C-alpha atoms as a PDB file:
ATOM      1  CA  MET A   1    -153.022-123.965  93.566  1.00  0.00           C
ATOM      2  CA  ASN A   2    -152.702-123.597  89.785  1.00  0.00           C
ATOM      3  CA  LYS A   3    -155.803-123.201  87.570  1.00  0.00           C
ATOM      4  CA  LEU A   4    -156.510-122.879  83.857  1.00  0.00           C
ATOM      5  CA  VAL A   5    -157.562-119.274  83.090  1.00  0.00           C
ATOM      6  CA  LYS A   6    -158.869-118.016  79.842  1.00  0.00           C
ATOM      7  CA  VAL A   7    -156.867-115.190  78.420  1.00  0.00           C
ATOM      8  CA  CYS A   8    -158.312-114.684  74.952  1.00  0.00           C
ATOM      9  CA  LYS A   9    -159.791-116.249  71.839  1.00  0.00           C
ATOM     10  CA  LEU A  10    -157.650-117.851  69.203  1.00  0.00           C
ATOM     11  CA  GLY A  11    -158.680-115.163  66.643  1.00  0.00           C
ATOM     12  CA  ASP A  12    -157.718-112.328  69.030  1.00  0.00           C
ATOM     13  CA  VAL A  13    -153.937-112.781  68.223  1.00  0.00           C
ATOM     14  CA  ALA A  14    -153.033-113.144  64.558  1.00  0.00           C
ATOM     15  CA  PRO A  15    -149.890-115.015  63.550  1.00  0.00           C
ATOM     16  CA  GLY A  16    -146.808-112.916  64.122  1.00  0.00           C
ATOM     17  CA  GLU A  17    -148.669-110.694  66.529  1.00  0.00           C
ATOM     18  CA  MET A  18    -148.704-110.185  70.315  1.00  0.00           C
ATOM     19  CA  LYS A  19    -151.523-108.969  72.625  1.00  0.00           C
ATOM     20  CA  PRO A  20    -151.520-107.599  76.219  1.00  0.00           C
ATOM     21  CA  VAL A  21    -154.114-109.098  78.538  1.00  0.00           C
ATOM     22  CA  ASP A  22    -155.198-108.529  82.061  1.00  0.00           C
ATOM     23  CA  VAL A  23    -156.690-111.526  83.810  1.00  0.00           C
ATOM     24  CA  ALA A  24    -158.892-111.305  86.906  1.00  0.00           C
ATOM     25  CA  GLY A  25    -157.046-112.998  89.792  1.00  0.00           C
ATOM     26  CA  VAL A  26    -153.695-112.992  88.123  1.00  0.00           C
ATOM     27  CA  LYS A  27    -151.245-110.537  89.627  1.00  0.00           C
ATOM     28  CA  ASP A  28    -149.212-109.582  86.694  1.00  0.00           C
ATOM     29  CA  PRO A  29    -150.240-108.524  83.198  1.00  0.00           C
ATOM     30  CA  ILE A  30    -149.751-111.188  80.542  1.00  0.00           C
ATOM     31  CA  ALA A  31    -148.469-110.988  77.015  1.00  0.00           C
ATOM     32  CA  VAL A  32    -149.862-113.548  74.544  1.00  0.00           C
ATOM     33  CA  PHE A  33    -147.816-114.266  71.414  1.00  0.00           C
ATOM     34  CA  ASN A  34    -148.831-116.184  68.272  1.00  0.00           C
ATOM     35  CA  LEU A  35    -145.869-117.696  66.616  1.00  0.00           C
ATOM     36  CA  ASP A  36    -146.934-119.307  63.398  1.00  0.00           C
ATOM     37  CA  GLY A  37    -150.194-120.573  64.957  1.00  0.00           C
ATOM     38  CA  THR A  38    -148.723-121.662  68.286  1.00  0.00           C
ATOM     39  CA  HIS A  39    -149.543-119.506  71.258  1.00  0.00           C
ATOM     40  CA  TYR A  40    -147.094-118.568  74.136  1.00  0.00           C
ATOM     41  CA  ALA A  41    -147.649-116.486  77.180  1.00  0.00           C
ATOM     42  CA  THR A  42    -145.252-114.508  79.281  1.00  0.00           C
ATOM     43  CA  SER A  43    -145.273-111.782  81.918  1.00  0.00           C
ATOM     44  CA  ASN A  44    -145.798-108.514  80.033  1.00  0.00           C
ATOM     45  CA  ILE A  45    -143.450-106.632  82.304  1.00  0.00           C
ATOM     46  CA  CYS A  46    -139.813-106.499  81.403  1.00  0.00           C
ATOM     47  CA  THR A  47    -137.495-107.904  84.179  1.00  0.00           C
ATOM     48  CA  HIS A  48    -134.824-105.181  83.648  1.00  0.00           C
ATOM     49  CA  ASN A  49    -137.041-102.173  84.066  1.00  0.00           C
ATOM     50  CA  ILE A  50    -140.818-101.619  84.127  1.00  0.00           C
ATOM     51  CA  ALA A  51    -141.883-101.449  80.512  1.00  0.00           C
ATOM     52  CA  MET A  52    -144.645-103.419  78.822  1.00  0.00           C
ATOM     53  CA  MET A  53    -143.112-106.065  76.468  1.00  0.00           C
ATOM     54  CA  THR A  54    -146.077-105.680  74.120  1.00  0.00           C
ATOM     55  CA  ASP A  55    -145.001-102.115  73.524  1.00  0.00           C
ATOM     56  CA  GLY A  56    -141.761-103.534  72.120  1.00  0.00           C
ATOM     57  CA  TYR A  57    -140.905-105.566  68.885  1.00  0.00           C
ATOM     58  CA  PHE A  58    -141.743-109.102  68.315  1.00  0.00           C
ATOM     59  CA  GLU A  59    -140.090-111.191  65.524  1.00  0.00           C
ATOM     60  CA  GLY A  60    -139.490-114.934  65.290  1.00  0.00           C
ATOM     61  CA  ASP A  61    -139.583-116.281  68.787  1.00  0.00           C
ATOM     62  CA  VAL A  62    -137.898-113.112  70.259  1.00  0.00           C
ATOM     63  CA  VAL A  63    -139.558-110.088  72.029  1.00  0.00           C
ATOM     64  CA  GLU A  64    -137.556-106.884  72.431  1.00  0.00           C
ATOM     65  CA  CYS A  65    -138.290-104.561  75.331  1.00  0.00           C
ATOM     66  CA  PRO A  66    -139.233-100.995  74.141  1.00  0.00           C
ATOM     67  CA  LEU A  67    -137.177 -99.253  76.850  1.00  0.00           C
ATOM     68  CA  HIS A  68    -133.599-100.395  76.481  1.00  0.00           C
ATOM     69  CA  GLY A  69    -133.709-102.935  73.675  1.00  0.00           C
ATOM     70  CA  GLY A  70    -132.918-106.100  75.737  1.00  0.00           C
ATOM     71  CA  SER A  71    -134.687-109.173  74.331  1.00  0.00           C
ATOM     72  CA  PHE A  72    -136.227-112.487  75.608  1.00  0.00           C
ATOM     73  CA  SER A  73    -137.214-115.773  74.126  1.00  0.00           C
ATOM     74  CA  ILE A  74    -141.141-116.091  74.142  1.00  0.00           C
ATOM     75  CA  LYS A  75    -140.792-119.871  74.377  1.00  0.00           C
ATOM     76  CA  THR A  76    -138.470-120.059  77.456  1.00  0.00           C
ATOM     77  CA  GLY A  77    -138.535-116.465  78.912  1.00  0.00           C
ATOM     78  CA  GLU A  78    -134.670-116.596  78.922  1.00  0.00           C
ATOM     79  CA  PRO A  79    -132.965-113.199  78.371  1.00  0.00           C
ATOM     80  CA  LEU A  80    -131.196-113.011  75.057  1.00  0.00           C
ATOM     81  CA  SER A  81    -129.429-109.660  75.088  1.00  0.00           C
ATOM     82  CA  PHE A  82    -128.143-107.158  77.608  1.00  0.00           C
ATOM     83  CA  PRO A  83    -129.330-105.339  79.716  1.00  0.00           C
ATOM     84  CA  CYS A  84    -131.903-108.141  80.456  1.00  0.00           C
ATOM     85  CA  GLU A  85    -130.488-110.811  82.827  1.00  0.00           C
ATOM     86  CA  ILE A  86    -133.541-112.199  84.634  1.00  0.00           C
ATOM     87  CA  PRO A  87    -135.931-114.427  82.672  1.00  0.00           C
ATOM     88  CA  LEU A  88    -139.591-113.443  81.949  1.00  0.00           C
ATOM     89  CA  ARG A  89    -142.091-115.589  83.732  1.00  0.00           C
ATOM     90  CA  THR A  90    -143.718-117.900  81.228  1.00  0.00           C
ATOM     91  CA  TYR A  91    -147.003-119.730  81.394  1.00  0.00           C
ATOM     92  CA  PRO A  92    -148.130-123.092  80.009  1.00  0.00           C
ATOM     93  CA  VAL A  93    -150.653-122.471  77.293  1.00  0.00           C
ATOM     94  CA  ILE A  94    -153.538-124.719  76.503  1.00  0.00           C
ATOM     95  CA  VAL A  95    -155.894-124.249  73.516  1.00  0.00           C
ATOM     96  CA  ASP A  96    -159.471-125.451  74.201  1.00  0.00           C
ATOM     97  CA  GLY A  97    -161.688-125.166  71.129  1.00  0.00           C
ATOM     98  CA  GLU A  98    -161.406-121.373  70.361  1.00  0.00           C
ATOM     99  CA  ASP A  99    -160.159-120.387  73.844  1.00  0.00           C
ATOM    100  CA  VAL A 100    -156.507-119.677  74.711  1.00  0.00           C
ATOM    101  CA  LEU A 101    -155.970-120.529  78.410  1.00  0.00           C
ATOM    102  CA  ILE A 102    -152.900-120.315  80.656  1.00  0.00           C
ATOM    103  CA  GLU A 103    -152.062-122.402  83.722  1.00  0.00           C
ATOM    104  CA  THR A 104    -151.201-120.083  86.677  1.00  0.00           C
ATOM    105  CA  GLU A 105    -151.861-119.342  90.331  1.00  0.00           C
ATOM    106  CA  VAL A 106    -155.031-117.341  90.817  1.00  0.00           C
ATOM    107  CA  GLU A 107    -155.329-115.094  93.766  1.00  0.00           C
ATOM    108  CA  GLN A 108    -158.377-115.673  95.901  1.00  0.00           C
ATOM    109  CA  SER A 109    -160.696-112.717  96.292  1.00  0.00           C
END
């Protein structure tokens, strides 16, 4: 069952910046991106090899993996350059007042 889960506050991620977040009950680490005031969320782990996307480079709507330079669309998760071939998982983002929430499955504890 999907639930809305708070990942950060609006002010936690400045425009043009990205932030790693760990969310209780969510299996994978999340990357939150602020693209000109619109927030996006993806898995923070590269699908090509284990590397944190937030350790990479973010410009426009593209995030580049720090390990081998492959890149992904933050909007769709689609791989944009080799060696990345598998999309990043993306999460619907909802802004509620000052809170940034994602819609995801939450593990029961």
